[in-house]
Amino acid sequence: MITSLINSNIVQRAALHCRSLLSRFLPTDLFFHNLEHTQEVVLACQLIARESDLPRKEMELLIIAAWFHDTGYILDYNAHEQYSEQIARNWLAQTGLTSLDKDKIISCIRATQMPQRPHTLLEEILCDADLIHLSTEAYENKAKLLHKEWKCVRGLNLSPKEWMINNIDFLTNHQYFTLYGQRTLEVRKEKNISTLLAALSPV
């Protein structure tokens, strides 16, 4: 059960709407980019926002963006960010948020597109939260789920060794943007890189 530090009416409405979209319309072969992933990103946003002393109002916008950031997968895998933006825009049009607040939410969603290029703290937090699994003990299992997803959706049939090399390359070239990400998540990610390198090296 997901818990939240932010339970304002608009955040609750966003969560309810996105849960409904993702649970009803996501393709069944999205083993990584699913409702569970979105919920984990929401919680990670709250963690990093708290560590970053983000004001409550800004945190509300961030959490709304986190709920919407992968909704585009219900329409198109490769262009999901653009569709996520459109889905969010359509929903935001029914709210009383200012144009500036709506733009901040959309910019956060757009910033998650790879390669990530965040320009504000809000965008940096969502980008770091979206890839927080790179720094967790669950990384190996998450990588397996993504491998399975890419095989089904993209037809990418890499061998275990090729997939491991792909992962090492991605983790090595990835960077966290927030201070919390650089000081805490980066250290944990390095441990996962070391584990991958050890597994790749001949005994």
Protein backbone atom coordinates (compact mmCIF):
# COMPACT_ATOMS: atom_id res chain seq x y z
CA MET A 1 0.00 0.00 0.00
CA ILE A 2 1.51 3.31 -1.04
CA THR A 3 1.76 5.98 1.62
CA SER A 4 2.03 9.67 0.96
CA LEU A 5 3.34 12.73 2.73
CA ILE A 6 1.17 14.86 0.47
CA ASN A 7 -2.56 14.17 0.58
CA SER A 8 -4.09 17.34 -0.85
CA ASN A 9 -7.26 16.97 -2.84
CA ILE A 10 -5.62 17.60 -6.21
CA VAL A 11 -2.83 15.09 -5.53
CA GLN A 12 -5.38 12.48 -4.50
CA ARG A 13 -7.35 13.14 -7.69
CA ALA A 14 -4.22 12.81 -9.81
CA ALA A 15 -3.28 9.56 -8.08
CA LEU A 16 -6.76 8.11 -8.56
CA HIS A 17 -6.84 9.09 -12.24
CA CYS A 18 -3.39 7.71 -13.03
CA ARG A 19 -3.91 4.50 -11.08
CA SER A 20 -7.06 3.93 -13.10
CA LEU A 21 -5.33 4.59 -16.43
CA LEU A 22 -2.32 2.42 -15.68
CA SER A 23 -4.22 -0.49 -14.15
CA ARG A 24 -6.82 -0.59 -16.95
CA PHE A 25 -4.89 0.24 -20.10
CA LEU A 26 -1.21 -0.66 -19.74
CA PRO A 27 -0.13 -3.55 -21.96
CA THR A 28 0.45 -6.71 -19.97
CA ASP A 29 4.00 -7.12 -21.27
CA LEU A 30 5.26 -4.02 -19.46
CA PHE A 31 6.98 -5.87 -16.66
CA PHE A 32 9.03 -2.87 -15.50
CA HIS A 33 7.17 0.26 -16.60
CA ASN A 34 3.97 -0.55 -14.74
CA LEU A 35 1.84 0.82 -11.91
CA GLU A 36 4.29 -0.49 -9.32
CA HIS A 37 7.11 1.49 -10.92
CA THR A 38 5.05 4.68 -10.92
CA GLN A 39 4.16 4.22 -7.26
CA GLU A 40 7.83 3.69 -6.42
CA VAL A 41 8.74 6.88 -8.29
CA VAL A 42 6.09 8.82 -6.36
CA LEU A 43 7.57 7.63 -3.06
CA ALA A 44 11.12 8.34 -4.25
CA CYS A 45 10.07 11.88 -5.21
CA GLN A 46 8.77 12.43 -1.70
CA LEU A 47 12.01 11.13 -0.19
CA ILE A 48 14.29 13.25 -2.35
CA ALA A 49 12.01 16.31 -2.05
CA ARG A 50 12.12 16.05 1.73
CA GLU A 51 15.92 15.74 1.67
CA SER A 52 16.03 18.76 -0.65
CA ASP A 53 13.81 20.90 1.62
CA LEU A 54 11.31 21.38 -1.19
CA PRO A 55 8.34 23.58 -0.19
CA ARG A 56 5.01 21.78 0.15
CA LYS A 57 3.43 23.57 -2.83
CA GLU A 58 6.29 22.56 -5.08
CA MET A 59 6.11 19.01 -3.76
CA GLU A 60 2.46 18.82 -4.80
CA LEU A 61 3.39 19.73 -8.38
CA LEU A 62 6.23 17.21 -8.33
CA ILE A 63 4.01 14.37 -7.11
CA ILE A 64 1.39 15.12 -9.75
CA ALA A 65 4.12 14.97 -12.41
CA ALA A 66 5.37 11.69 -10.96
CA TRP A 67 1.92 10.13 -11.23
CA PHE A 68 1.59 11.17 -14.87
CA HIS A 69 5.17 10.70 -16.06
CA ASP A 70 4.64 7.20 -17.55
CA THR A 71 0.95 7.28 -18.43
CA GLY A 72 1.90 7.63 -22.10
CA TYR A 73 2.88 3.97 -22.13
CA ILE A 74 -0.81 3.16 -22.51
CA LEU A 75 -0.64 4.68 -26.00
CA ASP A 76 2.89 4.33 -27.35
CA TYR A 77 6.05 2.74 -25.96
CA ASN A 78 8.72 4.71 -27.79
CA ALA A 79 7.02 8.13 -27.62
CA HIS A 80 5.55 7.68 -24.16
CA GLU A 81 6.92 10.97 -22.79
CA GLN A 82 5.07 13.01 -25.38
CA TYR A 83 1.86 11.10 -24.77
CA SER A 84 2.34 11.42 -21.01
CA GLU A 85 2.55 15.19 -21.48
CA GLN A 86 -0.67 15.23 -23.48
CA ILE A 87 -2.54 13.05 -21.01
CA ALA A 88 -1.35 15.33 -18.20
CA ARG A 89 -2.32 18.48 -20.12
CA ASN A 90 -5.83 17.17 -20.72
CA TRP A 91 -6.28 16.40 -17.04
CA LEU A 92 -4.67 19.61 -15.82
CA ALA A 93 -7.04 21.66 -17.98
CA GLN A 94 -9.81 20.58 -15.61
CA THR A 95 -8.00 21.84 -12.52
CA GLY A 96 -7.64 25.27 -11.04
CA LEU A 97 -3.86 25.30 -11.24
CA THR A 98 -2.18 28.32 -12.75
CA SER A 99 -0.54 28.16 -16.15
CA LEU A 100 2.85 28.41 -14.45
CA ASP A 101 2.12 25.43 -12.21
CA LYS A 102 0.86 23.39 -15.15
CA ASP A 103 4.00 24.23 -17.12
CA LYS A 104 6.19 23.09 -14.21
CA ILE A 105 4.42 19.73 -14.16
CA ILE A 106 4.76 19.26 -17.91
CA SER A 107 8.43 20.27 -17.83
CA CYS A 108 9.09 17.66 -15.16
CA ILE A 109 7.54 14.95 -17.31
CA ARG A 110 9.51 16.11 -20.35
CA ALA A 111 12.78 16.07 -18.40
CA THR A 112 12.53 12.30 -17.83
CA GLN A 113 13.10 11.62 -21.52
CA MET A 114 16.45 9.94 -22.10
CA PRO A 115 19.04 11.35 -22.06
CA GLN A 116 17.76 13.26 -19.05
CA ARG A 117 18.34 17.01 -19.16
CA PRO A 118 16.65 18.62 -16.14
CA HIS A 119 16.90 22.38 -15.68
CA THR A 120 15.15 22.96 -12.33
CA LEU A 121 15.21 21.29 -8.93
CA LEU A 122 11.74 19.85 -9.54
CA GLU A 123 12.91 18.28 -12.78
CA GLU A 124 16.09 17.00 -11.15
CA ILE A 125 14.13 15.30 -8.38
CA LEU A 126 11.78 13.51 -10.78
CA CYS A 127 14.70 12.39 -12.95
CA ASP A 128 16.55 11.00 -9.94
CA ALA A 129 13.40 9.34 -8.61
CA ASP A 130 12.66 7.75 -11.98
CA LEU A 131 16.03 5.98 -11.88
CA ILE A 132 16.36 5.45 -8.14
CA HIS A 133 16.26 1.68 -8.72
CA LEU A 134 19.81 1.92 -10.08
CA SER A 135 20.92 2.54 -6.50
CA THR A 136 18.83 -0.05 -4.66
CA GLU A 137 19.33 -3.65 -3.62
CA ALA A 138 16.42 -4.48 -5.91
CA TYR A 139 18.41 -3.37 -8.94
CA GLU A 140 19.19 -6.87 -10.22
CA ASN A 141 15.55 -7.89 -10.16
CA LYS A 142 14.45 -4.61 -11.76
CA ALA A 143 17.01 -5.10 -14.52
CA LYS A 144 15.66 -8.58 -15.19
CA LEU A 145 12.14 -7.19 -15.50
CA LEU A 146 13.32 -4.52 -17.94
CA HIS A 147 15.23 -7.13 -19.95
CA LYS A 148 12.05 -9.22 -20.20
CA GLU A 149 10.05 -6.13 -21.19
CA TRP A 150 12.46 -5.11 -23.92
CA LYS A 151 12.50 -8.63 -25.30
CA CYS A 152 8.71 -8.67 -25.56
CA VAL A 153 8.09 -5.08 -26.66
CA ARG A 154 11.22 -4.23 -28.64
CA GLY A 155 12.24 -7.70 -29.76
CA LEU A 156 15.64 -7.08 -28.17
CA ASN A 157 17.09 -10.53 -27.60
CA LEU A 158 20.41 -9.84 -25.85
CA SER A 159 22.34 -12.65 -24.22
CA PRO A 160 22.86 -12.44 -20.43
CA LYS A 161 26.43 -11.25 -20.99
CA GLU A 162 25.38 -8.64 -23.56
CA TRP A 163 22.65 -7.41 -21.23
CA MET A 164 25.12 -7.14 -18.36
CA ILE A 165 27.53 -5.12 -20.49
CA ASN A 166 24.63 -2.90 -21.56
CA ASN A 167 23.73 -2.32 -17.91
CA ILE A 168 27.30 -1.56 -16.86
CA ASP A 169 27.55 0.99 -19.66
CA PHE A 170 24.26 2.64 -18.67
CA LEU A 171 25.04 2.82 -14.95
CA THR A 172 28.57 4.08 -15.58
CA ASN A 173 27.39 6.91 -17.84
CA HIS A 174 24.37 7.82 -15.72
CA GLN A 175 24.49 10.65 -13.20
CA TYR A 176 22.18 11.75 -10.41
CA PHE A 177 21.38 15.45 -10.34
CA THR A 178 20.20 16.35 -6.83
CA LEU A 179 22.54 16.69 -3.87
CA TYR A 180 20.84 13.71 -2.25
CA GLY A 181 21.33 11.74 -5.43
CA GLN A 182 25.00 12.66 -5.69
CA ARG A 183 25.80 12.13 -2.01
CA THR A 184 23.67 9.07 -1.25
CA LEU A 185 22.23 7.37 -4.33
CA GLU A 186 25.47 7.60 -6.32
CA VAL A 187 27.37 5.70 -3.61
CA ARG A 188 24.79 2.91 -3.62
CA LYS A 189 24.78 2.80 -7.42
CA GLU A 190 28.56 2.31 -7.44
CA LYS A 191 28.06 -0.83 -5.36
CA ASN A 192 25.72 -2.20 -8.03
CA ILE A 193 28.28 -1.38 -10.72
CA SER A 194 30.94 -3.24 -8.74
CA THR A 195 28.63 -6.24 -8.41
CA LEU A 196 28.00 -6.28 -12.16
CA LEU A 197 31.71 -5.98 -12.96
CA ALA A 198 32.53 -8.82 -10.58
CA ALA A 199 29.89 -11.02 -12.18
CA LEU A 200 31.23 -10.21 -15.65
CA SER A 201 34.86 -10.94 -14.79
CA PRO A 202 36.09 -14.52 -15.31
CA VAL A 203 36.64 -16.52 -12.12
